[in-house]
Each structure stands twice: as C-alpha cells, then as structure tokens.
Amino acid sequence: MYVNDILSMIEKQRDEVEKELLLNLDSDVQMVNEVASYVFESGGKRLRPVFLILSSLLCGYDGYRTAALSGVVEYIHTATLLHDDVIDGAMYRRGRKSANTVFGNDITVLCGDFLYSRAFMNLVKDGNPEIQMTLAVAARTMSEGEVFQLIKTADIKITMDDYLKIINSKTAILFSSCCEIGALLGGQSVDKRAALRDFGRNLGIAFQMSDDILDYLGDEAKTGKKPGTDLKEGKITLPVIVLLENAAEEEKVKVREIIVNENSDEENLNYIIDLMKKYDVKRKSEEILDRYSAKAKENLKLFPENKYREALESLADYMIKREK
C-alpha cells in the first residue's frame, strides 16, 4: 500500500485534525496565536496523529475523539520541537526559519508552554483517565529524555543502553502513546492494548535510528539536510556508537577527541564519515534498526489482516526506508 493511498484513506480524519489544531489557538495574547500558527502552517507529515487515527480504526473506533486527541498529541509534539530548537539553537525547521529565529527564544519557549497547557486542557475535556495518564507519562518521559540527552552531550562513554533510553524517551514514547490511545478508544483487551503500545515503541525507535543514520550517511540531495548536524550539537547517536565499536584504537582516539573538543568542522566531519564508510557502519546500523522494525510488525500480528493493519505496516516501512 502506497503512502498517498493511506493518507487518502483517512483524508476526512486528517482534515478534522487540522481544524482542531487551529480551533484551539485561542489565546487572548495575539502573539501566542501568531507563533503557534506560524509553526502549524509550516506543515509536517502529522505522523503521530496518522498513527493514532489508523490505530483507532484498526480497533473499531471512528468518532470525534480521534481528532481531538490527535490535536492534543500534536500540541505536545510541537511544544517539544519549539523547546528543542531553542536548546539546539536551530536556525531552520521543516524548510523554513525556526520560530526561535523569527520570534526570539523567550517568546518561543513560552509559546511552547502554552501549547502544553492547551493540550492538557483538552485532555481533561476528553475525560478518560487512562488516556490522561498515558499522555501525562509520555510528557514526563519526554522531558526526562531531553535532560538525559543534555547530560550525555559529547559524553564519549555513552552506551547503547543510554542511546536507546534517549530515543525511547524523546521519540518512541509518543508514537507508542498514540497507538495505545487507539486501542483505548476502541475498547480493546489488555493484550491488544499492549501490542499496539509495543508496536508504536519499536516503530519509534526504528524511526529515530533511521533519522540518525541519515544524518551522517544520507544523500543530501534526497534528505535536503547537510550531514553532521548531530555532531555539531554533540549528540552521540547510533552511527558513532557502531563506529567506535569497530574502528582501530588510534581512529577511536581521534573520533573521541573531535567529539570532546566539539570540533565539528568539515575536515573532521569528513574524517568521521570516511571511517563510517570504511567500516560499513550504515549496513551494521541498519541491521540493528531492522530488528526493531521486525519487532513492530510482529506486534501487529495479534490483529486481523485488514486494510488498517496493512496501512500501519506500510507506513512503518515508509518511515524507516525513506532514503536508503
């Protein structure tokens, strides 16, 4: 199933989500609405709402709460992006100037706070305590993940377990929550709820690993992004961890020096990329990614084969193989 076919299949629900996002930009302070509108008008694939919609349909629910809760999830996600861009000093987001570049750091952080508060107001309106707890735990976990990542910035002793903790907290937890909410809306059993939760978590981990691989080893013409952003920000991700597991000792020493000294100029970036090619880091990293992708598909086997399960499987493939 092609991505465009999937998106067309849920076009009505996606349109309702877009209306929901704009409907709740109702601050008395116009600048808040202006910043939020700027961010939402920049587009984005709305992947998390799409997974919430498809999970709900898979579980037999197609009601108004899907759009409202998708809006909650997208508000939480967007708030984290606003805060992340300030922390990272990002200049661009989704192909245009980032909100912090246009409006300044202070306003951007506070508008992120507004989106968080609006999300939880709408969550209270929904009234389901299990869904409320699911997203409250997700928001807490994402905040903890951000702090943990900052602690581990340029830390050459980072382990694979540390890395998995970061990407589970910052990325996978919200995908997992979206899929679990679908099961809750559909009134599914504990087993099916756990299966969708694990599907989202394994998918989210694979998705972030794919993004991290592309940051070093993707084709700039296809990704539209210059390589080495993570190196500049001191983030030690899967390709670097795999490289350090395979490189010769003198090469490891130089890579560690580059990271510790935060010396990410073009010469040093090319040195690291050349080493990654020498040690076939892309293939070895993708083997790890594929294990999580396979786990995600296995999680869906508890559900009957139908167009919604097929859509989730196809979308998962698209997300992790968008440029290989």
Protein backbone atom coordinates (compact mmCIF):
# COMPACT_ATOMS: atom_id res chain seq x y z
CA MET A 1 0.00 0.00 0.00
CA TYR A 2 1.44 3.37 -1.04
CA VAL A 3 1.68 6.29 1.39
CA ASN A 4 -0.60 8.51 -0.71
CA ASP A 5 -3.22 5.76 -0.71
CA ILE A 6 -3.01 5.56 3.09
CA LEU A 7 -3.34 9.31 3.51
CA SER A 8 -6.28 9.41 1.07
CA MET A 9 -7.98 6.64 3.01
CA ILE A 10 -8.03 8.79 6.15
CA GLU A 11 -8.33 12.20 4.48
CA LYS A 12 -11.54 13.07 6.33
CA GLN A 13 -10.00 12.35 9.74
CA ARG A 14 -6.81 14.25 8.86
CA ASP A 15 -8.83 17.31 7.82
CA GLU A 16 -10.62 17.18 11.18
CA VAL A 17 -7.26 17.16 12.96
CA GLU A 18 -6.09 20.26 11.05
CA LYS A 19 -9.29 22.08 12.02
CA GLU A 20 -8.78 21.02 15.63
CA LEU A 21 -5.23 22.40 15.69
CA LEU A 22 -6.32 25.86 14.52
CA LEU A 23 -9.53 25.90 16.54
CA ASN A 24 -7.65 25.84 19.84
CA LEU A 25 -5.29 28.70 19.11
CA ASP A 26 -7.46 30.98 21.19
CA SER A 27 -5.10 32.86 23.47
CA ASP A 28 -6.04 36.40 24.50
CA VAL A 29 -2.42 37.28 23.74
CA GLN A 30 -2.27 37.51 19.96
CA MET A 31 1.47 36.85 19.80
CA VAL A 32 0.89 33.36 21.21
CA ASN A 33 -1.56 32.57 18.41
CA GLU A 34 0.78 34.09 15.83
CA VAL A 35 3.76 31.94 16.86
CA ALA A 36 1.67 28.75 17.06
CA SER A 37 0.05 29.46 13.69
CA TYR A 38 3.48 30.03 12.15
CA VAL A 39 4.60 26.60 13.33
CA PHE A 40 1.47 24.72 12.24
CA GLU A 41 1.33 26.45 8.86
CA SER A 42 4.80 25.09 8.10
CA GLY A 43 3.14 21.73 7.62
CA GLY A 44 4.77 18.48 8.59
CA LYS A 45 3.51 14.97 7.97
CA ARG A 46 1.48 14.79 11.22
CA LEU A 47 2.77 11.25 11.61
CA ARG A 48 1.66 10.87 15.21
CA PRO A 49 -1.98 11.80 14.50
CA VAL A 50 -1.90 9.47 11.49
CA PHE A 51 -0.86 6.57 13.71
CA LEU A 52 -3.49 7.47 16.28
CA ILE A 53 -6.18 7.57 13.56
CA LEU A 54 -5.11 4.27 11.99
CA SER A 55 -4.81 2.53 15.36
CA SER A 56 -8.30 3.73 16.29
CA LEU A 57 -9.74 2.47 13.02
CA LEU A 58 -7.93 -0.85 13.44
CA CYS A 59 -9.62 -1.15 16.83
CA GLY A 60 -13.07 -0.25 15.51
CA TYR A 61 -13.38 3.40 16.59
CA ASP A 62 -14.14 6.23 14.14
CA GLY A 63 -15.58 9.01 16.29
CA TYR A 64 -14.97 12.67 17.09
CA ARG A 65 -12.49 11.93 19.91
CA THR A 66 -9.86 10.81 17.41
CA ALA A 67 -9.40 14.34 16.05
CA ALA A 68 -9.48 15.95 19.50
CA LEU A 69 -6.87 13.58 20.92
CA SER A 70 -4.74 13.80 17.78
CA GLY A 71 -4.73 17.57 18.33
CA VAL A 72 -3.57 17.01 21.91
CA VAL A 73 -0.72 14.80 20.73
CA GLU A 74 0.36 17.26 18.03
CA TYR A 75 0.34 20.13 20.55
CA ILE A 76 2.60 18.15 22.87
CA HIS A 77 4.90 17.20 19.99
CA THR A 78 5.07 20.77 18.67
CA ALA A 79 5.79 22.15 22.13
CA THR A 80 8.79 19.83 22.40
CA LEU A 81 10.02 20.93 18.95
CA LEU A 82 9.83 24.59 19.98
CA HIS A 83 11.80 23.90 23.15
CA ASP A 84 14.30 21.66 21.32
CA ASP A 85 15.01 24.33 18.71
CA VAL A 86 15.80 26.84 21.43
CA ILE A 87 18.09 24.39 23.23
CA ASP A 88 19.85 23.39 19.99
CA GLY A 89 20.00 26.93 18.60
CA ALA A 90 18.31 25.65 15.44
CA MET A 91 18.02 28.06 12.53
CA TYR A 92 15.52 26.11 10.42
CA ARG A 93 12.62 23.72 10.92
CA ARG A 94 10.74 21.98 8.08
CA GLY A 95 12.46 24.00 5.41
CA ARG A 96 11.77 27.47 6.82
CA LYS A 97 13.21 29.66 9.57
CA SER A 98 12.59 28.20 13.02
CA ALA A 99 10.23 30.01 15.38
CA ASN A 100 13.08 30.97 17.71
CA THR A 101 14.90 32.59 14.78
CA VAL A 102 11.82 34.60 13.81
CA PHE A 103 10.33 35.47 17.21
CA GLY A 104 13.23 35.03 19.65
CA ASN A 105 13.97 32.40 22.29
CA ASP A 106 11.88 33.81 25.14
CA ILE A 107 8.61 34.03 23.23
CA THR A 108 9.21 30.64 21.59
CA VAL A 109 9.70 28.87 24.94
CA LEU A 110 6.59 30.50 26.40
CA CYS A 111 4.51 29.60 23.37
CA GLY A 112 5.68 26.02 23.76
CA ASP A 113 4.41 26.21 27.35
CA PHE A 114 1.07 27.49 26.06
CA LEU A 115 0.74 24.50 23.72
CA TYR A 116 1.50 22.13 26.58
CA SER A 117 -1.16 23.74 28.76
CA ARG A 118 -3.70 23.77 25.91
CA ALA A 119 -3.03 20.12 25.25
CA PHE A 120 -3.77 19.16 28.83
CA MET A 121 -6.88 21.35 28.99
CA ASN A 122 -8.24 19.39 26.02
CA LEU A 123 -7.14 16.14 27.61
CA VAL A 124 -9.17 16.99 30.72
CA LYS A 125 -12.17 17.72 28.48
CA ASP A 126 -11.89 14.26 26.95
CA GLY A 127 -12.29 12.85 30.44
CA ASN A 128 -10.76 9.38 30.06
CA PRO A 129 -8.35 8.84 32.99
CA GLU A 130 -6.39 6.07 31.23
CA ILE A 131 -5.73 8.27 28.20
CA GLN A 132 -4.89 11.18 30.50
CA MET A 133 -2.34 9.05 32.36
CA THR A 134 -0.89 7.67 29.12
CA LEU A 135 -0.12 11.15 27.78
CA ALA A 136 0.93 12.56 31.14
CA VAL A 137 3.52 9.79 31.47
CA ALA A 138 4.62 10.44 27.88
CA ALA A 139 5.11 14.17 28.55
CA ARG A 140 7.10 13.44 31.69
CA THR A 141 9.24 10.84 29.90
CA MET A 142 9.97 13.23 27.03
CA SER A 143 11.11 15.93 29.46
CA GLU A 144 13.35 13.46 31.28
CA GLY A 145 14.75 12.31 27.93
CA GLU A 146 15.66 15.86 26.98
CA VAL A 147 17.54 16.35 30.25
CA PHE A 148 19.29 12.98 29.94
CA GLN A 149 20.37 13.81 26.40
CA LEU A 150 21.84 17.11 27.59
CA ILE A 151 23.75 15.28 30.32
CA LYS A 152 25.12 12.87 27.71
CA THR A 153 26.11 15.58 25.21
CA ALA A 154 29.68 14.88 23.99
CA ASP A 155 29.95 12.03 26.51
CA ILE A 156 32.19 9.50 24.78
CA LYS A 157 31.30 6.89 27.41
CA ILE A 158 27.70 6.74 26.24
CA THR A 159 26.44 3.17 25.88
CA MET A 160 23.90 1.61 23.54
CA ASP A 161 21.54 1.37 26.52
CA ASP A 162 21.95 5.12 27.11
CA TYR A 163 21.21 5.81 23.45
CA LEU A 164 18.12 3.60 23.49
CA LYS A 165 16.91 5.35 26.63
CA ILE A 166 17.24 8.73 24.92
CA ILE A 167 15.43 7.80 21.70
CA ASN A 168 12.74 5.88 23.55
CA SER A 169 12.11 8.90 25.75
CA LYS A 170 12.33 11.61 23.12
CA THR A 171 10.73 9.90 20.11
CA ALA A 172 9.29 6.43 20.65
CA ILE A 173 7.16 7.20 23.72
CA LEU A 174 4.79 9.50 21.82
CA PHE A 175 4.34 7.06 18.92
CA SER A 176 3.69 4.36 21.50
CA SER A 177 1.11 6.53 23.27
CA CYS A 178 -0.72 7.34 20.01
CA CYS A 179 -1.10 3.67 19.14
CA GLU A 180 -2.16 2.75 22.68
CA ILE A 181 -4.80 5.51 22.64
CA GLY A 182 -6.25 3.91 19.52
CA ALA A 183 -6.71 0.68 21.45
CA LEU A 184 -8.27 2.54 24.38
CA LEU A 185 -10.73 4.37 22.10
CA GLY A 186 -11.70 1.04 20.56
CA GLY A 187 -12.20 -0.63 23.93
CA GLN A 188 -9.70 -3.37 23.15
CA SER A 189 -8.34 -6.02 25.51
CA VAL A 190 -5.26 -5.54 27.68
CA ASP A 191 -3.27 -7.77 25.30
CA LYS A 192 -4.18 -5.75 22.22
CA ARG A 193 -3.54 -2.50 24.03
CA ALA A 194 -0.05 -3.75 24.95
CA ALA A 195 0.54 -4.97 21.39
CA LEU A 196 -0.23 -1.55 19.89
CA ARG A 197 1.81 0.19 22.58
CA ASP A 198 4.80 -2.03 21.77
CA PHE A 199 4.26 -1.57 18.03
CA GLY A 200 4.50 2.21 18.46
CA ARG A 201 7.55 1.97 20.70
CA ASN A 202 9.51 -0.35 18.37
CA LEU A 203 8.47 1.69 15.35
CA GLY A 204 9.53 4.94 17.06
CA ILE A 205 12.94 3.52 17.94
CA ALA A 206 13.47 2.33 14.35
CA PHE A 207 12.30 5.69 13.00
CA GLN A 208 14.79 7.64 15.13
CA MET A 209 17.62 5.24 14.28
CA SER A 210 16.87 5.78 10.58
CA ASP A 211 16.98 9.54 11.07
CA ASP A 212 20.29 9.28 12.94
CA ILE A 213 21.83 7.13 10.20
CA LEU A 214 20.74 9.61 7.53
CA ASP A 215 22.28 12.49 9.49
CA TYR A 216 25.73 11.10 8.69
CA LEU A 217 25.25 8.79 5.73
CA GLY A 218 22.18 10.05 3.88
CA ASP A 219 22.18 11.58 0.41
CA GLU A 220 21.92 15.35 0.93
CA ALA A 221 20.17 15.70 -2.43
CA LYS A 222 17.39 13.43 -1.16
CA THR A 223 17.23 14.39 2.52
CA GLY A 224 17.57 18.14 1.94
CA LYS A 225 19.79 18.37 5.04
CA LYS A 226 23.51 18.85 5.40
CA PRO A 227 25.18 15.89 7.12
CA GLY A 228 26.65 16.12 10.60
CA THR A 229 24.01 18.13 12.45
CA ASP A 230 24.17 15.71 15.37
CA LEU A 231 27.96 16.02 15.54
CA LYS A 232 27.72 19.81 15.71
CA GLU A 233 25.26 19.50 18.59
CA GLY A 234 27.39 16.95 20.44
CA LYS A 235 24.78 14.20 20.11
CA ILE A 236 26.31 10.75 20.03
CA THR A 237 23.95 8.57 18.04
CA LEU A 238 23.82 5.06 16.60
CA PRO A 239 26.34 5.51 13.72
CA VAL A 240 29.00 6.90 16.08
CA ILE A 241 28.39 4.16 18.65
CA VAL A 242 28.72 1.50 15.92
CA LEU A 243 31.85 3.21 14.56
CA LEU A 244 33.52 3.23 17.97
CA GLU A 245 32.76 -0.48 18.30
CA ASN A 246 34.55 -1.25 15.02
CA ALA A 247 37.34 1.29 14.45
CA ALA A 248 41.02 0.78 15.19
CA GLU A 249 42.27 2.15 18.50
CA GLU A 250 44.09 5.17 17.04
CA GLU A 251 40.99 6.02 14.99
CA LYS A 252 38.79 5.80 18.08
CA VAL A 253 41.11 8.22 19.88
CA LYS A 254 40.80 10.81 17.11
CA VAL A 255 36.99 10.43 16.90
CA ARG A 256 36.70 10.88 20.64
CA GLU A 257 38.92 13.98 20.52
CA ILE A 258 36.71 15.51 17.82
CA ILE A 259 33.60 14.88 19.91
CA VAL A 260 35.02 16.02 23.26
CA ASN A 261 36.54 19.19 21.77
CA GLU A 262 33.30 19.84 19.84
CA ASN A 263 35.42 20.37 16.74
CA SER A 264 32.91 19.56 14.02
CA ASP A 265 34.47 21.42 11.11
CA GLU A 266 34.16 20.00 7.61
CA GLU A 267 37.52 18.24 7.73
CA ASN A 268 36.70 16.38 10.94
CA LEU A 269 33.17 15.57 9.78
CA ASN A 270 34.54 14.10 6.54
CA TYR A 271 37.09 12.10 8.54
CA ILE A 272 34.29 10.52 10.58
CA ILE A 273 32.09 9.88 7.54
CA ASP A 274 35.02 8.26 5.69
CA LEU A 275 35.61 5.99 8.68
CA MET A 276 31.92 5.07 8.73
CA LYS A 277 32.15 4.06 5.08
CA LYS A 278 35.36 2.13 5.73
CA TYR A 279 33.73 0.07 8.48
CA ASP A 280 30.36 -0.34 6.73
CA VAL A 281 28.60 1.49 9.55
CA LYS A 282 25.45 2.14 7.53
CA ARG A 283 24.78 -1.56 6.94
CA LYS A 284 25.64 -2.52 10.51
CA SER A 285 23.42 0.24 11.91
CA GLU A 286 20.56 -0.72 9.62
CA GLU A 287 20.78 -4.31 10.85
CA ILE A 288 20.05 -3.02 14.37
CA LEU A 289 17.24 -0.82 13.04
CA ASP A 290 15.71 -3.74 11.13
CA ARG A 291 15.43 -5.77 14.33
CA TYR A 292 13.16 -3.12 15.84
CA SER A 293 11.19 -2.84 12.61
CA ALA A 294 10.63 -6.60 12.63
CA LYS A 295 9.50 -6.46 16.26
CA ALA A 296 6.99 -3.74 15.38
CA LYS A 297 5.44 -5.84 12.61
CA GLU A 298 5.33 -8.85 14.91
CA ASN A 299 3.33 -6.80 17.43
CA LEU A 300 0.58 -6.27 14.83
CA LYS A 301 0.03 -9.98 14.25
CA LEU A 302 -2.42 -10.04 17.15
CA PHE A 303 -4.84 -8.09 14.93
CA PRO A 304 -6.81 -9.45 11.95
CA GLU A 305 -5.46 -8.77 8.47
CA ASN A 306 -7.34 -5.80 7.05
CA LYS A 307 -6.65 -2.51 5.30
CA TYR A 308 -5.85 -0.69 8.54
CA ARG A 309 -3.26 -3.21 9.66
CA GLU A 310 -1.79 -3.17 6.16
CA ALA A 311 -1.69 0.64 6.28
CA LEU A 312 0.18 0.61 9.60
CA GLU A 313 2.71 -1.91 8.27
CA SER A 314 3.21 0.02 5.03
CA LEU A 315 3.58 3.34 6.80
CA ALA A 316 6.14 1.81 9.15
CA ASP A 317 8.19 0.68 6.14
CA TYR A 318 7.95 4.12 4.58
CA MET A 319 9.11 5.88 7.75
CA ILE A 320 12.31 3.89 8.13
CA LYS A 321 13.20 3.47 4.47
CA ARG A 322 12.54 6.94 3.14
CA GLU A 323 16.10 7.23 1.80
CA LYS A 324 18.38 4.23 1.61
